[in-house]
Structure formats: C-alpha cells, structure tokens
Amino acid sequence: MKVGDLVTLSSYGKNSSGLSPWNDRLYPNKPKLIGLVVRIEEAQRVYSWTSRNERTHYIINWISKDGPMSRWGSAPYYRNSGYFLRNDLKFVK
C-alpha cells in the first residue's frame, strides 16, 4: 500500500469494536466507505514485541464526511493522532 491508493475498511477493520458503526452488515443503509491514503508514517515507539503490522501507520482522508477518524472510531481525542493499521484496510475494487 502506498500514498495515493484508494482503500476501504477490511472485514477485520469492520468487525473491530471501534469501527463497528461502519460495518455494512450491521448498518446496510450507510454508503460505502472509500478513502485515500495521504500519508504513511513509522510508529514513534517500537519495541521488540511490536509486530510488523503495528510499525506502520496509515493516515486516511475519507471521501464521505461520515468516515472514522482513526482505528478507534470517531472519538474526538484521536482527531490529531488518528491512524489505521494495514490489516484495518483493503484496496477498493
């Protein structure tokens, strides 16, 4: 995945507790969530037990205004540090 790719939430992301309001099986009337990868950052704190998935953070701009701010949902305290992990996202088909 690289900057400029179109992404949406993967099934792993949709089933996580913070992102469940965007699960299309639970809320079938919501429009499909599509976003653009605008920045990729390395994690600031990396430990020996940090997985490869958790070392890379993806910053997404969602096309719809209803998109989540981070992988924990739309909680306002994640507004500035909102990121997603690779397993939360998939490419748009």
N, C-alpha and C. Protein backbone atom coordinates (compact mmCIF):
# COMPACT_ATOMS: atom_id res chain seq x y z
N MET A 1 0.85 -1.17 0.00
CA MET A 1 0.00 0.00 0.00
C MET A 1 0.90 1.23 0.00
N LYS A 2 0.52 2.23 -0.79
CA LYS A 2 1.33 3.44 -0.89
C LYS A 2 0.42 4.67 -0.93
N VAL A 3 1.03 5.83 -0.82
CA VAL A 3 0.28 7.09 -0.84
C VAL A 3 -0.42 7.22 -2.18
N GLY A 4 -1.70 7.60 -2.14
CA GLY A 4 -2.49 7.76 -3.35
C GLY A 4 -3.41 6.60 -3.64
N ASP A 5 -3.30 5.50 -2.92
CA ASP A 5 -4.17 4.34 -3.13
C ASP A 5 -5.55 4.59 -2.55
N LEU A 6 -6.58 4.07 -3.22
CA LEU A 6 -7.93 4.11 -2.70
C LEU A 6 -8.16 2.88 -1.84
N VAL A 7 -8.69 3.08 -0.64
CA VAL A 7 -8.88 1.99 0.30
C VAL A 7 -10.27 2.06 0.91
N THR A 8 -10.65 0.98 1.53
CA THR A 8 -11.86 0.89 2.34
C THR A 8 -11.53 0.01 3.54
N LEU A 9 -12.46 -0.15 4.44
CA LEU A 9 -12.22 -0.98 5.62
C LEU A 9 -12.28 -2.45 5.25
N SER A 10 -11.35 -3.23 5.76
CA SER A 10 -11.36 -4.68 5.56
C SER A 10 -12.38 -5.30 6.51
N SER A 11 -12.61 -6.58 6.37
CA SER A 11 -13.55 -7.25 7.28
C SER A 11 -13.01 -7.24 8.71
N TYR A 12 -11.68 -7.32 8.85
CA TYR A 12 -11.07 -7.22 10.18
C TYR A 12 -11.37 -5.86 10.79
N GLY A 13 -11.22 -4.80 10.01
CA GLY A 13 -11.48 -3.46 10.50
C GLY A 13 -12.94 -3.23 10.84
N LYS A 14 -13.83 -3.72 9.98
CA LYS A 14 -15.27 -3.54 10.22
C LYS A 14 -15.73 -4.26 11.48
N ASN A 15 -15.09 -5.37 11.79
CA ASN A 15 -15.51 -6.15 12.95
C ASN A 15 -14.82 -5.73 14.24
N SER A 16 -13.88 -4.80 14.18
CA SER A 16 -13.27 -4.32 15.43
C SER A 16 -14.27 -3.43 16.16
N SER A 17 -14.11 -3.31 17.45
CA SER A 17 -15.11 -2.63 18.26
C SER A 17 -15.24 -1.15 17.92
N GLY A 18 -14.15 -0.46 17.63
CA GLY A 18 -14.22 0.96 17.34
C GLY A 18 -14.81 1.28 15.99
N LEU A 19 -14.67 0.35 15.04
CA LEU A 19 -15.13 0.60 13.68
C LEU A 19 -16.43 -0.11 13.33
N SER A 20 -17.08 -0.72 14.30
CA SER A 20 -18.33 -1.44 14.02
C SER A 20 -19.46 -0.56 13.49
N PRO A 21 -19.52 0.76 13.79
CA PRO A 21 -20.58 1.57 13.17
C PRO A 21 -20.47 1.67 11.65
N TRP A 22 -19.35 1.27 11.06
CA TRP A 22 -19.18 1.29 9.61
C TRP A 22 -19.28 -0.10 9.01
N ASN A 23 -19.77 -1.07 9.77
CA ASN A 23 -19.95 -2.43 9.27
C ASN A 23 -21.23 -2.46 8.44
N ASP A 24 -21.11 -2.82 7.16
CA ASP A 24 -22.27 -2.80 6.28
C ASP A 24 -23.26 -3.92 6.56
N ARG A 25 -22.85 -4.94 7.29
CA ARG A 25 -23.82 -5.96 7.69
C ARG A 25 -24.71 -5.48 8.82
N LEU A 26 -24.16 -4.65 9.71
CA LEU A 26 -24.95 -4.11 10.82
C LEU A 26 -25.76 -2.88 10.40
N TYR A 27 -25.20 -2.08 9.49
CA TYR A 27 -25.85 -0.85 9.04
C TYR A 27 -25.88 -0.85 7.51
N PRO A 28 -26.81 -1.58 6.90
CA PRO A 28 -26.79 -1.73 5.43
C PRO A 28 -27.15 -0.46 4.66
N ASN A 29 -27.74 0.53 5.29
CA ASN A 29 -28.15 1.75 4.59
C ASN A 29 -27.04 2.78 4.47
N LYS A 30 -25.92 2.58 5.15
CA LYS A 30 -24.81 3.53 5.06
C LYS A 30 -24.13 3.40 3.71
N PRO A 31 -23.65 4.52 3.15
CA PRO A 31 -22.91 4.43 1.87
C PRO A 31 -21.56 3.75 2.07
N LYS A 32 -21.03 3.21 0.97
CA LYS A 32 -19.74 2.53 1.04
C LYS A 32 -18.65 3.53 1.41
N LEU A 33 -17.78 3.12 2.30
CA LEU A 33 -16.72 3.97 2.81
C LEU A 33 -15.48 3.82 1.93
N ILE A 34 -15.05 4.92 1.30
CA ILE A 34 -13.87 4.92 0.43
C ILE A 34 -12.97 6.06 0.88
N GLY A 35 -11.68 5.78 0.96
CA GLY A 35 -10.72 6.79 1.39
C GLY A 35 -9.45 6.77 0.56
N LEU A 36 -8.64 7.80 0.76
CA LEU A 36 -7.39 7.96 0.05
C LEU A 36 -6.25 7.96 1.06
N VAL A 37 -5.23 7.15 0.81
CA VAL A 37 -4.05 7.14 1.68
C VAL A 37 -3.27 8.43 1.40
N VAL A 38 -3.15 9.30 2.41
CA VAL A 38 -2.46 10.57 2.21
C VAL A 38 -1.07 10.60 2.84
N ARG A 39 -0.83 9.73 3.82
CA ARG A 39 0.47 9.73 4.48
C ARG A 39 0.71 8.37 5.12
N ILE A 40 1.96 7.96 5.09
CA ILE A 40 2.38 6.72 5.75
C ILE A 40 3.51 7.09 6.70
N GLU A 41 3.36 6.71 7.96
CA GLU A 41 4.34 7.05 8.99
C GLU A 41 4.83 5.80 9.70
N GLU A 42 6.03 5.85 10.15
CA GLU A 42 6.55 4.79 11.02
C GLU A 42 6.15 5.11 12.45
N ALA A 43 5.89 4.08 13.23
CA ALA A 43 5.49 4.26 14.63
C ALA A 43 6.62 4.92 15.41
N GLN A 44 6.25 5.81 16.33
CA GLN A 44 7.26 6.50 17.13
C GLN A 44 7.88 5.59 18.18
N ARG A 45 7.07 4.73 18.74
CA ARG A 45 7.57 3.80 19.77
C ARG A 45 7.52 2.39 19.22
N VAL A 46 8.68 1.80 19.07
CA VAL A 46 8.78 0.44 18.56
C VAL A 46 9.55 -0.38 19.58
N TYR A 47 8.96 -1.49 19.97
CA TYR A 47 9.57 -2.39 20.94
C TYR A 47 9.89 -3.72 20.27
N SER A 48 10.53 -4.59 20.97
CA SER A 48 10.87 -5.89 20.39
C SER A 48 9.63 -6.73 20.10
N TRP A 49 8.54 -6.49 20.79
CA TRP A 49 7.32 -7.26 20.58
C TRP A 49 6.34 -6.57 19.62
N THR A 50 6.71 -5.41 19.09
CA THR A 50 5.84 -4.70 18.14
C THR A 50 5.84 -5.45 16.81
N SER A 51 4.66 -5.80 16.33
CA SER A 51 4.56 -6.55 15.08
C SER A 51 4.86 -5.65 13.88
N ARG A 52 5.12 -6.26 12.76
CA ARG A 52 5.39 -5.50 11.54
C ARG A 52 4.16 -4.68 11.14
N ASN A 53 2.99 -5.20 11.39
CA ASN A 53 1.75 -4.50 11.09
C ASN A 53 1.61 -3.23 11.93
N GLU A 54 2.03 -3.28 13.18
CA GLU A 54 1.88 -2.14 14.08
C GLU A 54 2.97 -1.09 13.92
N ARG A 55 4.00 -1.37 13.15
CA ARG A 55 5.09 -0.41 12.97
C ARG A 55 4.76 0.66 11.94
N THR A 56 3.80 0.42 11.07
CA THR A 56 3.45 1.36 10.01
C THR A 56 2.04 1.88 10.24
N HIS A 57 1.90 3.20 10.24
CA HIS A 57 0.60 3.85 10.43
C HIS A 57 0.18 4.52 9.13
N TYR A 58 -1.08 4.31 8.77
CA TYR A 58 -1.63 4.88 7.54
C TYR A 58 -2.62 5.98 7.91
N ILE A 59 -2.43 7.18 7.33
CA ILE A 59 -3.34 8.30 7.54
C ILE A 59 -4.25 8.34 6.32
N ILE A 60 -5.56 8.33 6.57
CA ILE A 60 -6.56 8.23 5.51
C ILE A 60 -7.46 9.46 5.52
N ASN A 61 -7.74 10.01 4.34
CA ASN A 61 -8.79 11.01 4.17
C ASN A 61 -9.97 10.31 3.52
N TRP A 62 -11.08 10.26 4.23
CA TRP A 62 -12.28 9.58 3.74
C TRP A 62 -13.05 10.52 2.83
N ILE A 63 -13.62 9.97 1.77
CA ILE A 63 -14.38 10.77 0.81
C ILE A 63 -15.71 11.20 1.43
N SER A 64 -16.35 10.30 2.14
CA SER A 64 -17.60 10.67 2.82
C SER A 64 -17.28 11.39 4.13
N LYS A 65 -18.15 12.29 4.52
CA LYS A 65 -17.93 13.06 5.74
C LYS A 65 -18.12 12.21 7.00
N ASP A 66 -18.73 11.06 6.85
CA ASP A 66 -19.05 10.20 7.98
C ASP A 66 -17.93 9.21 8.31
N GLY A 67 -16.77 9.33 7.70
CA GLY A 67 -15.70 8.36 7.90
C GLY A 67 -15.10 8.43 9.29
N PRO A 68 -14.52 7.32 9.75
CA PRO A 68 -13.90 7.31 11.08
C PRO A 68 -12.61 8.11 11.11
N MET A 69 -12.29 8.68 12.26
CA MET A 69 -11.06 9.47 12.39
C MET A 69 -9.83 8.60 12.59
N SER A 70 -10.03 7.43 13.19
CA SER A 70 -8.91 6.56 13.46
C SER A 70 -9.41 5.13 13.56
N ARG A 71 -8.52 4.23 13.88
CA ARG A 71 -8.92 2.83 14.01
C ARG A 71 -9.75 2.59 15.26
N TRP A 72 -9.89 3.61 16.10
CA TRP A 72 -10.73 3.51 17.30
C TRP A 72 -12.07 4.19 17.10
N GLY A 73 -12.40 4.56 15.89
CA GLY A 73 -13.68 5.19 15.61
C GLY A 73 -13.56 6.70 15.50
N SER A 74 -14.59 7.40 15.92
CA SER A 74 -14.62 8.86 15.79
C SER A 74 -14.51 9.56 17.12
N ALA A 75 -13.85 8.96 18.07
CA ALA A 75 -13.65 9.61 19.37
C ALA A 75 -12.84 10.88 19.15
N PRO A 76 -13.27 12.02 19.70
CA PRO A 76 -12.60 13.29 19.40
C PRO A 76 -11.16 13.37 19.88
N TYR A 77 -10.76 12.61 20.88
CA TYR A 77 -9.39 12.70 21.37
C TYR A 77 -8.40 12.00 20.44
N TYR A 78 -8.87 11.31 19.39
CA TYR A 78 -7.97 10.72 18.40
C TYR A 78 -7.91 11.56 17.13
N ARG A 79 -8.47 12.75 17.16
CA ARG A 79 -8.57 13.58 15.96
C ARG A 79 -7.19 13.91 15.38
N ASN A 80 -6.22 14.24 16.20
CA ASN A 80 -4.90 14.64 15.70
C ASN A 80 -3.97 13.46 15.49
N SER A 81 -4.18 12.37 16.17
CA SER A 81 -3.27 11.23 16.06
C SER A 81 -3.98 10.02 15.46
N GLY A 82 -5.00 10.25 14.67
CA GLY A 82 -5.77 9.15 14.11
C GLY A 82 -5.04 8.44 12.99
N TYR A 83 -4.90 7.15 13.10
CA TYR A 83 -4.24 6.36 12.07
C TYR A 83 -4.91 5.01 12.00
N PHE A 84 -4.59 4.28 10.94
CA PHE A 84 -5.08 2.93 10.73
C PHE A 84 -3.88 2.02 10.51
N LEU A 85 -4.07 0.75 10.81
CA LEU A 85 -3.03 -0.25 10.54
C LEU A 85 -3.36 -0.94 9.22
N ARG A 86 -2.40 -1.62 8.67
CA ARG A 86 -2.59 -2.26 7.37
C ARG A 86 -3.72 -3.28 7.39
N ASN A 87 -3.86 -4.04 8.46
CA ASN A 87 -4.91 -5.06 8.48
C ASN A 87 -6.31 -4.45 8.65
N ASP A 88 -6.41 -3.16 8.96
CA ASP A 88 -7.71 -2.49 9.03
C ASP A 88 -8.22 -2.10 7.65
N LEU A 89 -7.34 -2.10 6.65
CA LEU A 89 -7.67 -1.56 5.33
C LEU A 89 -7.54 -2.59 4.24
N LYS A 90 -8.24 -2.34 3.14
CA LYS A 90 -8.06 -3.14 1.92
C LYS A 90 -8.22 -2.21 0.72
N PHE A 91 -7.72 -2.64 -0.43
CA PHE A 91 -7.83 -1.85 -1.64
C PHE A 91 -9.27 -1.85 -2.12
N VAL A 92 -9.70 -0.75 -2.75
CA VAL A 92 -11.03 -0.67 -3.34
C VAL A 92 -11.01 -1.41 -4.66
N LYS A 93 -12.02 -2.22 -4.90
CA LYS A 93 -12.12 -2.95 -6.17
C LYS A 93 -12.98 -2.19 -7.15
